[in-house]
Amino acid sequence: MTDRDRTDPDRAGMGTRDVEKRWRDPAALRRAALYVVSAVGVAAIALAVFLATGASNVVVAAIVPGVCLVGAIGALVIGYRSYRHGGTWPIWQGAAWFLFALMLVSLSLPTATVR
């Protein structure tokens, strides 16, 4: 592999592209951001339903972190598919980590209703 092959992203192999920090893919960033906003929106609706029902049902409280968990796993699946096709997968991994963190924060809802 020549020096030109290492610097040209079109010529570089998958291994070289994985370590590049200069990825620029605005379309993938918009898709990931829209995905995260949609997942957070659904979780917010579930939170509103939980609060409207009196905040005492554990099953309804578990829907909020469940939505975040499913959203995070979905983002990881999309990221893996993007990786397999040579796309910018770290954007999707970041979206998954954000949703996992939100899930951990929202786990306080079902535990608060048990007490």
PDB file of N, CA and C in Angstrom:
ATOM      1  N   MET A   1       0.853  -1.165   0.000  1.00  0.00           N
ATOM      2  CA  MET A   1       0.000   0.000   0.000  1.00  0.00           C
ATOM      3  C   MET A   1       0.904   1.235   0.000  1.00  0.00           C
ATOM      4  N   THR A   2       0.671   2.134  -0.870  1.00  0.00           N
ATOM      5  CA  THR A   2       1.489   3.341  -0.963  1.00  0.00           C
ATOM      6  C   THR A   2       0.964   4.413  -0.023  1.00  0.00           C
ATOM      7  N   ASP A   3       1.749   5.488   0.116  1.00  0.00           N
ATOM      8  CA  ASP A   3       1.316   6.602   0.966  1.00  0.00           C
ATOM      9  C   ASP A   3       0.045   7.245   0.436  1.00  0.00           C
ATOM     10  N   ARG A   4      -0.089   7.266  -0.875  1.00  0.00           N
ATOM     11  CA  ARG A   4      -1.302   7.858  -1.462  1.00  0.00           C
ATOM     12  C   ARG A   4      -2.523   7.022  -1.127  1.00  0.00           C
ATOM     13  N   ASP A   5      -2.383   5.700  -1.092  1.00  0.00           N
ATOM     14  CA  ASP A   5      -3.503   4.840  -0.738  1.00  0.00           C
ATOM     15  C   ASP A   5      -3.946   5.073   0.701  1.00  0.00           C
ATOM     16  N   ARG A   6      -3.012   5.379   1.581  1.00  0.00           N
ATOM     17  CA  ARG A   6      -3.358   5.595   2.987  1.00  0.00           C
ATOM     18  C   ARG A   6      -4.103   6.903   3.212  1.00  0.00           C
ATOM     19  N   THR A   7      -3.826   7.909   2.414  1.00  0.00           N
ATOM     20  CA  THR A   7      -4.454   9.216   2.616  1.00  0.00           C
ATOM     21  C   THR A   7      -5.728   9.392   1.819  1.00  0.00           C
ATOM     22  N   ASP A   8      -5.937   8.612   0.781  1.00  0.00           N
ATOM     23  CA  ASP A   8      -7.127   8.732  -0.060  1.00  0.00           C
ATOM     24  C   ASP A   8      -8.211   7.808   0.489  1.00  0.00           C
ATOM     25  N   PRO A   9      -9.327   8.345   1.038  1.00  0.00           N
ATOM     26  CA  PRO A   9     -10.350   7.481   1.626  1.00  0.00           C
ATOM     27  C   PRO A   9     -11.013   6.559   0.622  1.00  0.00           C
ATOM     28  N   ASP A  10     -11.015   6.918  -0.667  1.00  0.00           N
ATOM     29  CA  ASP A  10     -11.627   6.042  -1.653  1.00  0.00           C
ATOM     30  C   ASP A  10     -10.751   4.827  -1.939  1.00  0.00           C
ATOM     31  N   ARG A  11      -9.438   4.975  -1.781  1.00  0.00           N
ATOM     32  CA  ARG A  11      -8.519   3.888  -2.054  1.00  0.00           C
ATOM     33  C   ARG A  11      -8.190   3.080  -0.814  1.00  0.00           C
ATOM     34  N   ALA A  12      -8.407   3.649   0.346  1.00  0.00           N
ATOM     35  CA  ALA A  12      -8.034   2.986   1.593  1.00  0.00           C
ATOM     36  C   ALA A  12      -8.964   1.818   1.865  1.00  0.00           C
ATOM     37  N   GLY A  13      -8.422   0.811   2.522  1.00  0.00           N
ATOM     38  CA  GLY A  13      -9.219  -0.346   2.888  1.00  0.00           C
ATOM     39  C   GLY A  13     -10.078  -0.049   4.092  1.00  0.00           C
ATOM     40  N   MET A  14     -10.896  -1.029   4.475  1.00  0.00           N
ATOM     41  CA  MET A  14     -11.798  -0.850   5.601  1.00  0.00           C
ATOM     42  C   MET A  14     -11.016  -0.622   6.894  1.00  0.00           C
ATOM     43  N   GLY A  15      -9.877  -1.302   7.065  1.00  0.00           N
ATOM     44  CA  GLY A  15      -9.097  -1.139   8.278  1.00  0.00           C
ATOM     45  C   GLY A  15      -8.528   0.253   8.416  1.00  0.00           C
ATOM     46  N   THR A  16      -8.068   0.832   7.344  1.00  0.00           N
ATOM     47  CA  THR A  16      -7.518   2.183   7.386  1.00  0.00           C
ATOM     48  C   THR A  16      -8.614   3.207   7.605  1.00  0.00           C
ATOM     49  N   ARG A  17      -9.746   3.004   7.019  1.00  0.00           N
ATOM     50  CA  ARG A  17     -10.835   3.966   7.143  1.00  0.00           C
ATOM     51  C   ARG A  17     -11.402   3.993   8.564  1.00  0.00           C
ATOM     52  N   ASP A  18     -11.323   2.872   9.266  1.00  0.00           N
ATOM     53  CA  ASP A  18     -11.847   2.827  10.623  1.00  0.00           C
ATOM     54  C   ASP A  18     -11.102   3.741  11.574  1.00  0.00           C
ATOM     55  N   VAL A  19      -9.833   3.975  11.331  1.00  0.00           N
ATOM     56  CA  VAL A  19      -9.063   4.808  12.246  1.00  0.00           C
ATOM     57  C   VAL A  19      -9.036   6.269  11.829  1.00  0.00           C
ATOM     58  N   GLU A  20      -9.600   6.602  10.704  1.00  0.00           N
ATOM     59  CA  GLU A  20      -9.638   7.991  10.248  1.00  0.00           C
ATOM     60  C   GLU A  20     -10.558   8.797  11.164  1.00  0.00           C
ATOM     61  N   LYS A  21     -10.122   9.970  11.539  1.00  0.00           N
ATOM     62  CA  LYS A  21     -10.930  10.842  12.397  1.00  0.00           C
ATOM     63  C   LYS A  21     -11.534  11.995  11.614  1.00  0.00           C
ATOM     64  N   ARG A  22     -11.350  11.998  10.310  1.00  0.00           N
ATOM     65  CA  ARG A  22     -11.831  13.117   9.492  1.00  0.00           C
ATOM     66  C   ARG A  22     -13.074  12.727   8.682  1.00  0.00           C
ATOM     67  N   TRP A  23     -13.894  11.861   9.217  1.00  0.00           N
ATOM     68  CA  TRP A  23     -15.094  11.471   8.494  1.00  0.00           C
ATOM     69  C   TRP A  23     -16.046  12.646   8.467  1.00  0.00           C
ATOM     70  N   ARG A  24     -16.690  12.823   7.336  1.00  0.00           N
ATOM     71  CA  ARG A  24     -17.670  13.897   7.195  1.00  0.00           C
ATOM     72  C   ARG A  24     -18.834  13.341   6.413  1.00  0.00           C
ATOM     73  N   ASP A  25     -19.950  13.160   7.091  1.00  0.00           N
ATOM     74  CA  ASP A  25     -21.141  12.622   6.451  1.00  0.00           C
ATOM     75  C   ASP A  25     -22.366  13.324   7.037  1.00  0.00           C
ATOM     76  N   PRO A  26     -22.696  14.524   6.519  1.00  0.00           N
ATOM     77  CA  PRO A  26     -23.823  15.271   7.085  1.00  0.00           C
ATOM     78  C   PRO A  26     -25.157  14.534   6.967  1.00  0.00           C
ATOM     79  N   ALA A  27     -25.337  13.761   5.897  1.00  0.00           N
ATOM     80  CA  ALA A  27     -26.607  13.043   5.733  1.00  0.00           C
ATOM     81  C   ALA A  27     -26.785  11.994   6.823  1.00  0.00           C
ATOM     82  N   ALA A  28     -25.724  11.256   7.137  1.00  0.00           N
ATOM     83  CA  ALA A  28     -25.811  10.246   8.195  1.00  0.00           C
ATOM     84  C   ALA A  28     -26.023  10.905   9.554  1.00  0.00           C
ATOM     85  N   LEU A  29     -25.389  12.051   9.763  1.00  0.00           N
ATOM     86  CA  LEU A  29     -25.588  12.774  11.022  1.00  0.00           C
ATOM     87  C   LEU A  29     -27.033  13.239  11.161  1.00  0.00           C
ATOM     88  N   ARG A  30     -27.624  13.731  10.083  1.00  0.00           N
ATOM     89  CA  ARG A  30     -29.037  14.146  10.132  1.00  0.00           C
ATOM     90  C   ARG A  30     -29.947  12.960  10.408  1.00  0.00           C
ATOM     91  N   ARG A  31     -29.680  11.817   9.741  1.00  0.00           N
ATOM     92  CA  ARG A  31     -30.504  10.622   9.971  1.00  0.00           C
ATOM     93  C   ARG A  31     -30.400  10.154  11.416  1.00  0.00           C
ATOM     94  N   ALA A  32     -29.184  10.136  11.965  1.00  0.00           N
ATOM     95  CA  ALA A  32     -28.998   9.697  13.352  1.00  0.00           C
ATOM     96  C   ALA A  32     -29.653  10.674  14.323  1.00  0.00           C
ATOM     97  N   ALA A  33     -29.522  11.962  14.061  1.00  0.00           N
ATOM     98  CA  ALA A  33     -30.143  12.954  14.939  1.00  0.00           C
ATOM     99  C   ALA A  33     -31.665  12.847  14.896  1.00  0.00           C
ATOM    100  N   LEU A  34     -32.227  12.652  13.712  1.00  0.00           N
ATOM    101  CA  LEU A  34     -33.671  12.480  13.600  1.00  0.00           C
ATOM    102  C   LEU A  34     -34.133  11.209  14.315  1.00  0.00           C
ATOM    103  N   TYR A  35     -33.327  10.160  14.225  1.00  0.00           N
ATOM    104  CA  TYR A  35     -33.639   8.906  14.903  1.00  0.00           C
ATOM    105  C   TYR A  35     -33.666   9.113  16.422  1.00  0.00           C
ATOM    106  N   VAL A  36     -32.651   9.798  16.951  1.00  0.00           N
ATOM    107  CA  VAL A  36     -32.581  10.043  18.394  1.00  0.00           C
ATOM    108  C   VAL A  36     -33.726  10.945  18.847  1.00  0.00           C
ATOM    109  N   VAL A  37     -34.014  11.987  18.086  1.00  0.00           N
ATOM    110  CA  VAL A  37     -35.120  12.882  18.446  1.00  0.00           C
ATOM    111  C   VAL A  37     -36.445  12.120  18.427  1.00  0.00           C
ATOM    112  N   SER A  38     -36.619  11.226  17.475  1.00  0.00           N
ATOM    113  CA  SER A  38     -37.851  10.421  17.411  1.00  0.00           C
ATOM    114  C   SER A  38     -37.960   9.497  18.618  1.00  0.00           C
ATOM    115  N   ALA A  39     -36.870   8.843  18.977  1.00  0.00           N
ATOM    116  CA  ALA A  39     -36.889   7.934  20.129  1.00  0.00           C
ATOM    117  C   ALA A  39     -37.151   8.706  21.421  1.00  0.00           C
ATOM    118  N   VAL A  40     -36.520   9.853  21.569  1.00  0.00           N
ATOM    119  CA  VAL A  40     -36.743  10.670  22.760  1.00  0.00           C
ATOM    120  C   VAL A  40     -38.178  11.197  22.770  1.00  0.00           C
ATOM    121  N   GLY A  41     -38.724  11.523  21.616  1.00  0.00           N
ATOM    122  CA  GLY A  41     -40.115  11.967  21.536  1.00  0.00           C
ATOM    123  C   GLY A  41     -41.096  10.900  21.980  1.00  0.00           C
ATOM    124  N   VAL A  42     -40.867   9.667  21.526  1.00  0.00           N
ATOM    125  CA  VAL A  42     -41.735   8.558  21.950  1.00  0.00           C
ATOM    126  C   VAL A  42     -41.598   8.331  23.454  1.00  0.00           C
ATOM    127  N   ALA A  43     -40.369   8.425  23.974  1.00  0.00           N
ATOM    128  CA  ALA A  43     -40.161   8.276  25.419  1.00  0.00           C
ATOM    129  C   ALA A  43     -40.845   9.410  26.188  1.00  0.00           C
ATOM    130  N   ALA A  44     -40.829  10.603  25.637  1.00  0.00           N
ATOM    131  CA  ALA A  44     -41.506  11.732  26.293  1.00  0.00           C
ATOM    132  C   ALA A  44     -43.012  11.527  26.320  1.00  0.00           C
ATOM    133  N   ILE A  45     -43.560  10.995  25.240  1.00  0.00           N
ATOM    134  CA  ILE A  45     -45.001  10.696  25.226  1.00  0.00           C
ATOM    135  C   ILE A  45     -45.323   9.631  26.275  1.00  0.00           C
ATOM    136  N   ALA A  46     -44.466   8.606  26.388  1.00  0.00           N
ATOM    137  CA  ALA A  46     -44.673   7.564  27.404  1.00  0.00           C
ATOM    138  C   ALA A  46     -44.573   8.159  28.808  1.00  0.00           C
ATOM    139  N   LEU A  47     -43.650   9.108  28.992  1.00  0.00           N
ATOM    140  CA  LEU A  47     -43.533   9.776  30.282  1.00  0.00           C
ATOM    141  C   LEU A  47     -44.783  10.597  30.589  1.00  0.00           C
ATOM    142  N   ALA A  48     -45.330  11.271  29.586  1.00  0.00           N
ATOM    143  CA  ALA A  48     -46.558  12.053  29.786  1.00  0.00           C
ATOM    144  C   ALA A  48     -47.723  11.139  30.159  1.00  0.00           C
ATOM    145  N   VAL A  49     -47.803   9.980  29.521  1.00  0.00           N
ATOM    146  CA  VAL A  49     -48.865   9.016  29.858  1.00  0.00           C
ATOM    147  C   VAL A  49     -48.678   8.524  31.286  1.00  0.00           C
ATOM    148  N   PHE A  50     -47.430   8.236  31.654  1.00  0.00           N
ATOM    149  CA  PHE A  50     -47.137   7.787  33.019  1.00  0.00           C
ATOM    150  C   PHE A  50     -47.557   8.830  34.051  1.00  0.00           C
ATOM    151  N   LEU A  51     -47.224  10.078  33.793  1.00  0.00           N
ATOM    152  CA  LEU A  51     -47.586  11.140  34.735  1.00  0.00           C
ATOM    153  C   LEU A  51     -49.086  11.412  34.751  1.00  0.00           C
ATOM    154  N   ALA A  52     -49.752  11.248  33.601  1.00  0.00           N
ATOM    155  CA  ALA A  52     -51.195  11.492  33.532  1.00  0.00           C
ATOM    156  C   ALA A  52     -51.995  10.398  34.234  1.00  0.00           C
ATOM    157  N   THR A  53     -51.434   9.203  34.345  1.00  0.00           N
ATOM    158  CA  THR A  53     -52.165   8.103  34.981  1.00  0.00           C
ATOM    159  C   THR A  53     -51.968   8.066  36.485  1.00  0.00           C
ATOM    160  N   GLY A  54     -51.279   9.034  37.033  1.00  0.00           N
ATOM    161  CA  GLY A  54     -51.128   9.100  38.480  1.00  0.00           C
ATOM    162  C   GLY A  54     -49.768   8.653  38.977  1.00  0.00           C
ATOM    163  N   ALA A  55     -48.883   8.284  38.107  1.00  0.00           N
ATOM    164  CA  ALA A  55     -47.499   7.898  38.450  1.00  0.00           C
ATOM    165  C   ALA A  55     -47.433   6.795  39.486  1.00  0.00           C
ATOM    166  N   SER A  56     -48.303   5.795  39.347  1.00  0.00           N
ATOM    167  CA  SER A  56     -48.276   4.701  40.316  1.00  0.00           C
ATOM    168  C   SER A  56     -48.186   3.319  39.666  1.00  0.00           C
ATOM    169  N   ASN A  57     -48.294   3.235  38.363  1.00  0.00           N
ATOM    170  CA  ASN A  57     -48.264   1.954  37.670  1.00  0.00           C
ATOM    171  C   ASN A  57     -46.830   1.642  37.231  1.00  0.00           C
ATOM    172  N   VAL A  58     -46.297   0.526  37.706  1.00  0.00           N
ATOM    173  CA  VAL A  58     -44.916   0.150  37.408  1.00  0.00           C
ATOM    174  C   VAL A  58     -44.749  -0.217  35.937  1.00  0.00           C
ATOM    175  N   VAL A  59     -45.734  -0.862  35.359  1.00  0.00           N
ATOM    176  CA  VAL A  59     -45.643  -1.286  33.954  1.00  0.00           C
ATOM    177  C   VAL A  59     -45.576  -0.071  33.032  1.00  0.00           C
ATOM    178  N   VAL A  60     -46.400   0.914  33.289  1.00  0.00           N
ATOM    179  CA  VAL A  60     -46.373   2.125  32.467  1.00  0.00           C
ATOM    180  C   VAL A  60     -45.058   2.879  32.688  1.00  0.00           C
ATOM    181  N   ALA A  61     -44.544   2.842  33.909  1.00  0.00           N
ATOM    182  CA  ALA A  61     -43.270   3.499  34.189  1.00  0.00           C
ATOM    183  C   ALA A  61     -42.114   2.805  33.471  1.00  0.00           C
ATOM    184  N   ALA A  62     -42.198   1.506  33.277  1.00  0.00           N
ATOM    185  CA  ALA A  62     -41.131   0.749  32.619  1.00  0.00           C
ATOM    186  C   ALA A  62     -41.117   0.973  31.108  1.00  0.00           C
ATOM    187  N   ILE A  63     -42.165   1.558  30.565  1.00  0.00           N
ATOM    188  CA  ILE A  63     -42.203   1.805  29.118  1.00  0.00           C
ATOM    189  C   ILE A  63     -41.168   2.855  28.726  1.00  0.00           C
ATOM    190  N   VAL A  64     -40.943   3.843  29.567  1.00  0.00           N
ATOM    191  CA  VAL A  64     -40.005   4.926  29.231  1.00  0.00           C
ATOM    192  C   VAL A  64     -38.579   4.389  29.042  1.00  0.00           C
ATOM    193  N   PRO A  65     -37.993   3.669  30.019  1.00  0.00           N
ATOM    194  CA  PRO A  65     -36.662   3.126  29.752  1.00  0.00           C
ATOM    195  C   PRO A  65     -36.673   2.037  28.691  1.00  0.00           C
ATOM    196  N   GLY A  66     -37.796   1.350  28.539  1.00  0.00           N
ATOM    197  CA  GLY A  66     -37.899   0.334  27.492  1.00  0.00           C
ATOM    198  C   GLY A  66     -37.801   0.924  26.096  1.00  0.00           C
ATOM    199  N   VAL A  67     -38.437   2.072  25.905  1.00  0.00           N
ATOM    200  CA  VAL A  67     -38.353   2.752  24.606  1.00  0.00           C
ATOM    201  C   VAL A  67     -36.912   3.174  24.325  1.00  0.00           C
ATOM    202  N   CYS A  68     -36.237   3.686  25.348  1.00  0.00           N
ATOM    203  CA  CYS A  68     -34.837   4.102  25.166  1.00  0.00           C
ATOM    204  C   CYS A  68     -33.940   2.905  24.877  1.00  0.00           C
ATOM    205  N   LEU A  69     -34.201   1.782  25.542  1.00  0.00           N
ATOM    206  CA  LEU A  69     -33.409   0.580  25.306  1.00  0.00           C
ATOM    207  C   LEU A  69     -33.600   0.057  23.895  1.00  0.00           C
ATOM    208  N   VAL A  70     -34.840  -0.026  23.459  1.00  0.00           N
ATOM    209  CA  VAL A  70     -35.115  -0.495  22.095  1.00  0.00           C
ATOM    210  C   VAL A  70     -34.526   0.456  21.068  1.00  0.00           C
ATOM    211  N   GLY A  71     -34.614   1.748  21.326  1.00  0.00           N
ATOM    212  CA  GLY A  71     -34.023   2.730  20.428  1.00  0.00           C
ATOM    213  C   GLY A  71     -32.513   2.599  20.341  1.00  0.00           C
ATOM    214  N   ALA A  72     -31.861   2.344  21.480  1.00  0.00           N
ATOM    215  CA  ALA A  72     -30.405   2.186  21.490  1.00  0.00           C
ATOM    216  C   ALA A  72     -29.978   0.925  20.755  1.00  0.00           C
ATOM    217  N   ILE A  73     -30.692  -0.158  20.960  1.00  0.00           N
ATOM    218  CA  ILE A  73     -30.363  -1.393  20.249  1.00  0.00           C
ATOM    219  C   ILE A  73     -30.596  -1.209  18.751  1.00  0.00           C
ATOM    220  N   GLY A  74     -31.654  -0.507  18.384  1.00  0.00           N
ATOM    221  CA  GLY A  74     -31.902  -0.219  16.976  1.00  0.00           C
ATOM    222  C   GLY A  74     -30.794   0.618  16.357  1.00  0.00           C
ATOM    223  N   ALA A  75     -30.281   1.597  17.115  1.00  0.00           N
ATOM    224  CA  ALA A  75     -29.177   2.416  16.611  1.00  0.00           C
ATOM    225  C   ALA A  75     -27.916   1.583  16.425  1.00  0.00           C
ATOM    226  N   LEU A  76     -27.675   0.625  17.325  1.00  0.00           N
ATOM    227  CA  LEU A  76     -26.521  -0.256  17.157  1.00  0.00           C
ATOM    228  C   LEU A  76     -26.665  -1.149  15.933  1.00  0.00           C
ATOM    229  N   VAL A  77     -27.869  -1.620  15.678  1.00  0.00           N
ATOM    230  CA  VAL A  77     -28.105  -2.441  14.483  1.00  0.00           C
ATOM    231  C   VAL A  77     -27.870  -1.618  13.218  1.00  0.00           C
ATOM    232  N   ILE A  78     -28.377  -0.407  13.196  1.00  0.00           N
ATOM    233  CA  ILE A  78     -28.157   0.465  12.035  1.00  0.00           C
ATOM    234  C   ILE A  78     -26.674   0.774  11.885  1.00  0.00           C
ATOM    235  N   GLY A  79     -25.987   1.000  12.999  1.00  0.00           N
ATOM    236  CA  GLY A  79     -24.551   1.252  12.956  1.00  0.00           C
ATOM    237  C   GLY A  79     -23.776   0.059  12.420  1.00  0.00           C
ATOM    238  N   TYR A  80     -24.169  -1.145  12.818  1.00  0.00           N
ATOM    239  CA  TYR A  80     -23.500  -2.346  12.317  1.00  0.00           C
ATOM    240  C   TYR A  80     -23.730  -2.504  10.819  1.00  0.00           C
ATOM    241  N   ARG A  81     -24.946  -2.264  10.383  1.00  0.00           N
ATOM    242  CA  ARG A  81     -25.221  -2.344   8.941  1.00  0.00           C
ATOM    243  C   ARG A  81     -24.440  -1.284   8.174  1.00  0.00           C
ATOM    244  N   SER A  82     -24.313  -0.100   8.759  1.00  0.00           N
ATOM    245  CA  SER A  82     -23.528   0.952   8.129  1.00  0.00           C
ATOM    246  C   SER A  82     -22.053   0.549   8.062  1.00  0.00           C
ATOM    247  N   TYR A  83     -21.549  -0.075   9.104  1.00  0.00           N
ATOM    248  CA  TYR A  83     -20.169  -0.555   9.126  1.00  0.00           C
ATOM    249  C   TYR A  83     -19.935  -1.601   8.036  1.00  0.00           C
ATOM    250  N   ARG A  84     -20.887  -2.511   7.902  1.00  0.00           N
ATOM    251  CA  ARG A  84     -20.744  -3.578   6.895  1.00  0.00           C
ATOM    252  C   ARG A  84     -20.758  -3.020   5.473  1.00  0.00           C
ATOM    253  N   HIS A  85     -21.423  -1.898   5.277  1.00  0.00           N
ATOM    254  CA  HIS A  85     -21.488  -1.281   3.948  1.00  0.00           C
ATOM    255  C   HIS A  85     -20.432  -0.200   3.751  1.00  0.00           C
ATOM    256  N   GLY A  86     -19.540  -0.031   4.733  1.00  0.00           N
ATOM    257  CA  GLY A  86     -18.465   0.946   4.604  1.00  0.00           C
ATOM    258  C   GLY A  86     -18.871   2.367   4.928  1.00  0.00           C
ATOM    259  N   GLY A  87     -19.959   2.542   5.665  1.00  0.00           N
ATOM    260  CA  GLY A  87     -20.434   3.878   6.004  1.00  0.00           C
ATOM    261  C   GLY A  87     -19.823   4.404   7.288  1.00  0.00           C
ATOM    262  N   THR A  88     -20.336   5.514   7.742  1.00  0.00           N
ATOM    263  CA  THR A  88     -19.834   6.158   8.957  1.00  0.00           C
ATOM    264  C   THR A  88     -20.620   5.651  10.162  1.00  0.00           C
ATOM    265  N   TRP A  89     -20.174   4.552  10.704  1.00  0.00           N
ATOM    266  CA  TRP A  89     -20.859   3.899  11.812  1.00  0.00           C
ATOM    267  C   TRP A  89     -20.675   4.590  13.157  1.00  0.00           C
ATOM    268  N   PRO A  90     -19.596   5.358  13.412  1.00  0.00           N
ATOM    269  CA  PRO A  90     -19.472   5.959  14.754  1.00  0.00           C
ATOM    270  C   PRO A  90     -20.596   6.926  15.108  1.00  0.00           C
ATOM    271  N   ILE A  91     -21.221   7.514  14.113  1.00  0.00           N
ATOM    272  CA  ILE A  91     -22.358   8.410  14.368  1.00  0.00           C
ATOM    273  C   ILE A  91     -23.484   7.626  15.030  1.00  0.00           C
ATOM    274  N   TRP A  92     -23.746   6.429  14.532  1.00  0.00           N
ATOM    275  CA  TRP A  92     -24.814   5.598  15.085  1.00  0.00           C
ATOM    276  C   TRP A  92     -24.429   5.034  16.447  1.00  0.00           C
ATOM    277  N   GLN A  93     -23.147   4.761  16.631  1.00  0.00           N
ATOM    278  CA  GLN A  93     -22.703   4.295  17.943  1.00  0.00           C
ATOM    279  C   GLN A  93     -22.897   5.392  18.985  1.00  0.00           C
ATOM    280  N   GLY A  94     -22.627   6.632  18.613  1.00  0.00           N
ATOM    281  CA  GLY A  94     -22.862   7.751  19.523  1.00  0.00           C
ATOM    282  C   GLY A  94     -24.335   7.912  19.858  1.00  0.00           C
ATOM    283  N   ALA A  95     -25.189   7.720  18.857  1.00  0.00           N
ATOM    284  CA  ALA A  95     -26.632   7.796  19.104  1.00  0.00           C
ATOM    285  C   ALA A  95     -27.069   6.702  20.073  1.00  0.00           C
ATOM    286  N   ALA A  96     -26.511   5.513  19.907  1.00  0.00           N
ATOM    287  CA  ALA A  96     -26.853   4.404  20.807  1.00  0.00           C
ATOM    288  C   ALA A  96     -26.396   4.687  22.230  1.00  0.00           C
ATOM    289  N   TRP A  97     -25.184   5.218  22.400  1.00  0.00           N
ATOM    290  CA  TRP A  97     -24.693   5.526  23.741  1.00  0.00           C
ATOM    291  C   TRP A  97     -25.551   6.599  24.411  1.00  0.00           C
ATOM    292  N   PHE A  98     -25.989   7.585  23.640  1.00  0.00           N
ATOM    293  CA  PHE A  98     -26.854   8.614  24.207  1.00  0.00           C
ATOM    294  C   PHE A  98     -28.160   8.001  24.702  1.00  0.00           C
ATOM    295  N   LEU A  99     -28.752   7.118  23.904  1.00  0.00           N
ATOM    296  CA  LEU A  99     -30.019   6.502  24.301  1.00  0.00           C
ATOM    297  C   LEU A  99     -29.827   5.539  25.471  1.00  0.00           C
ATOM    298  N   PHE A 100     -28.683   4.840  25.513  1.00  0.00           N
ATOM    299  CA  PHE A 100     -28.401   3.987  26.674  1.00  0.00           C
ATOM    300  C   PHE A 100     -28.277   4.828  27.946  1.00  0.00           C
ATOM    301  N   ALA A 101     -27.608   5.965  27.868  1.00  0.00           N
ATOM    302  CA  ALA A 101     -27.474   6.841  29.037  1.00  0.00           C
ATOM    303  C   ALA A 101     -28.837   7.372  29.473  1.00  0.00           C
ATOM    304  N   LEU A 102     -29.668   7.741  28.519  1.00  0.00           N
ATOM    305  CA  LEU A 102     -31.014   8.211  28.841  1.00  0.00           C
ATOM    306  C   LEU A 102     -31.841   7.091  29.479  1.00  0.00           C
ATOM    307  N   MET A 103     -31.618   5.863  29.034  1.00  0.00           N
ATOM    308  CA  MET A 103     -32.316   4.728  29.629  1.00  0.00           C
ATOM    309  C   MET A 103     -31.919   4.565  31.096  1.00  0.00           C
ATOM    310  N   LEU A 104     -30.626   4.710  31.383  1.00  0.00           N
ATOM    311  CA  LEU A 104     -30.180   4.577  32.765  1.00  0.00           C
ATOM    312  C   LEU A 104     -30.789   5.654  33.657  1.00  0.00           C
ATOM    313  N   VAL A 105     -30.886   6.860  33.146  1.00  0.00           N
ATOM    314  CA  VAL A 105     -31.498   7.941  33.920  1.00  0.00           C
ATOM    315  C   VAL A 105     -32.985   7.666  34.141  1.00  0.00           C
ATOM    316  N   SER A 106     -33.656   7.176  33.098  1.00  0.00           N
ATOM    317  CA  SER A 106     -35.099   6.960  33.206  1.00  0.00           C
ATOM    318  C   SER A 106     -35.451   5.692  33.983  1.00  0.00           C
ATOM    319  N   LEU A 107     -34.469   4.877  34.340  1.00  0.00           N
ATOM    320  CA  LEU A 107     -34.757   3.704  35.175  1.00  0.00           C
ATOM    321  C   LEU A 107     -35.205   4.093  36.581  1.00  0.00           C
ATOM    322  N   SER A 108     -35.039   5.346  36.937  1.00  0.00           N
ATOM    323  CA  SER A 108     -35.492   5.789  38.250  1.00  0.00           C
ATOM    324  C   SER A 108     -37.008   5.832  38.344  1.00  0.00           C
ATOM    325  N   LEU A 109     -37.689   5.931  37.201  1.00  0.00           N
ATOM    326  CA  LEU A 109     -39.171   5.981  37.224  1.00  0.00           C
ATOM    327  C   LEU A 109     -39.784   4.698  37.768  1.00  0.00           C
ATOM    328  N   PRO A 110     -39.464   3.516  37.194  1.00  0.00           N
ATOM    329  CA  PRO A 110     -40.077   2.302  37.761  1.00  0.00           C
ATOM    330  C   PRO A 110     -39.629   2.012  39.194  1.00  0.00           C
ATOM    331  N   THR A 111     -38.385   2.334  39.516  1.00  0.00           N
ATOM    332  CA  THR A 111     -37.936   2.073  40.890  1.00  0.00           C
ATOM    333  C   THR A 111     -38.608   3.011  41.891  1.00  0.00           C
ATOM    334  N   ALA A 112     -38.944   4.211  41.462  1.00  0.00           N
ATOM    335  CA  ALA A 112     -39.624   5.143  42.362  1.00  0.00           C
ATOM    336  C   ALA A 112     -41.063   4.714  42.614  1.00  0.00           C
ATOM    337  N   THR A 113     -41.688   4.070  41.658  1.00  0.00           N
ATOM    338  CA  THR A 113     -43.087   3.631  41.855  1.00  0.00           C
ATOM    339  C   THR A 113     -43.176   2.393  42.740  1.00  0.00           C
ATOM    340  N   VAL A 114     -42.106   1.604  42.817  1.00  0.00           N
ATOM    341  CA  VAL A 114     -42.114   0.409  43.659  1.00  0.00           C
ATOM    342  C   VAL A 114     -42.096   0.794  45.124  1.00  0.00           C
ATOM    343  N   ARG A 115     -41.389   1.859  45.448  1.00  0.00           N
ATOM    344  CA  ARG A 115     -41.253   2.282  46.849  1.00  0.00           C
ATOM    345  C   ARG A 115     -42.476   2.882  47.384  1.00  0.00           C
TER     346      ARG A 115
END
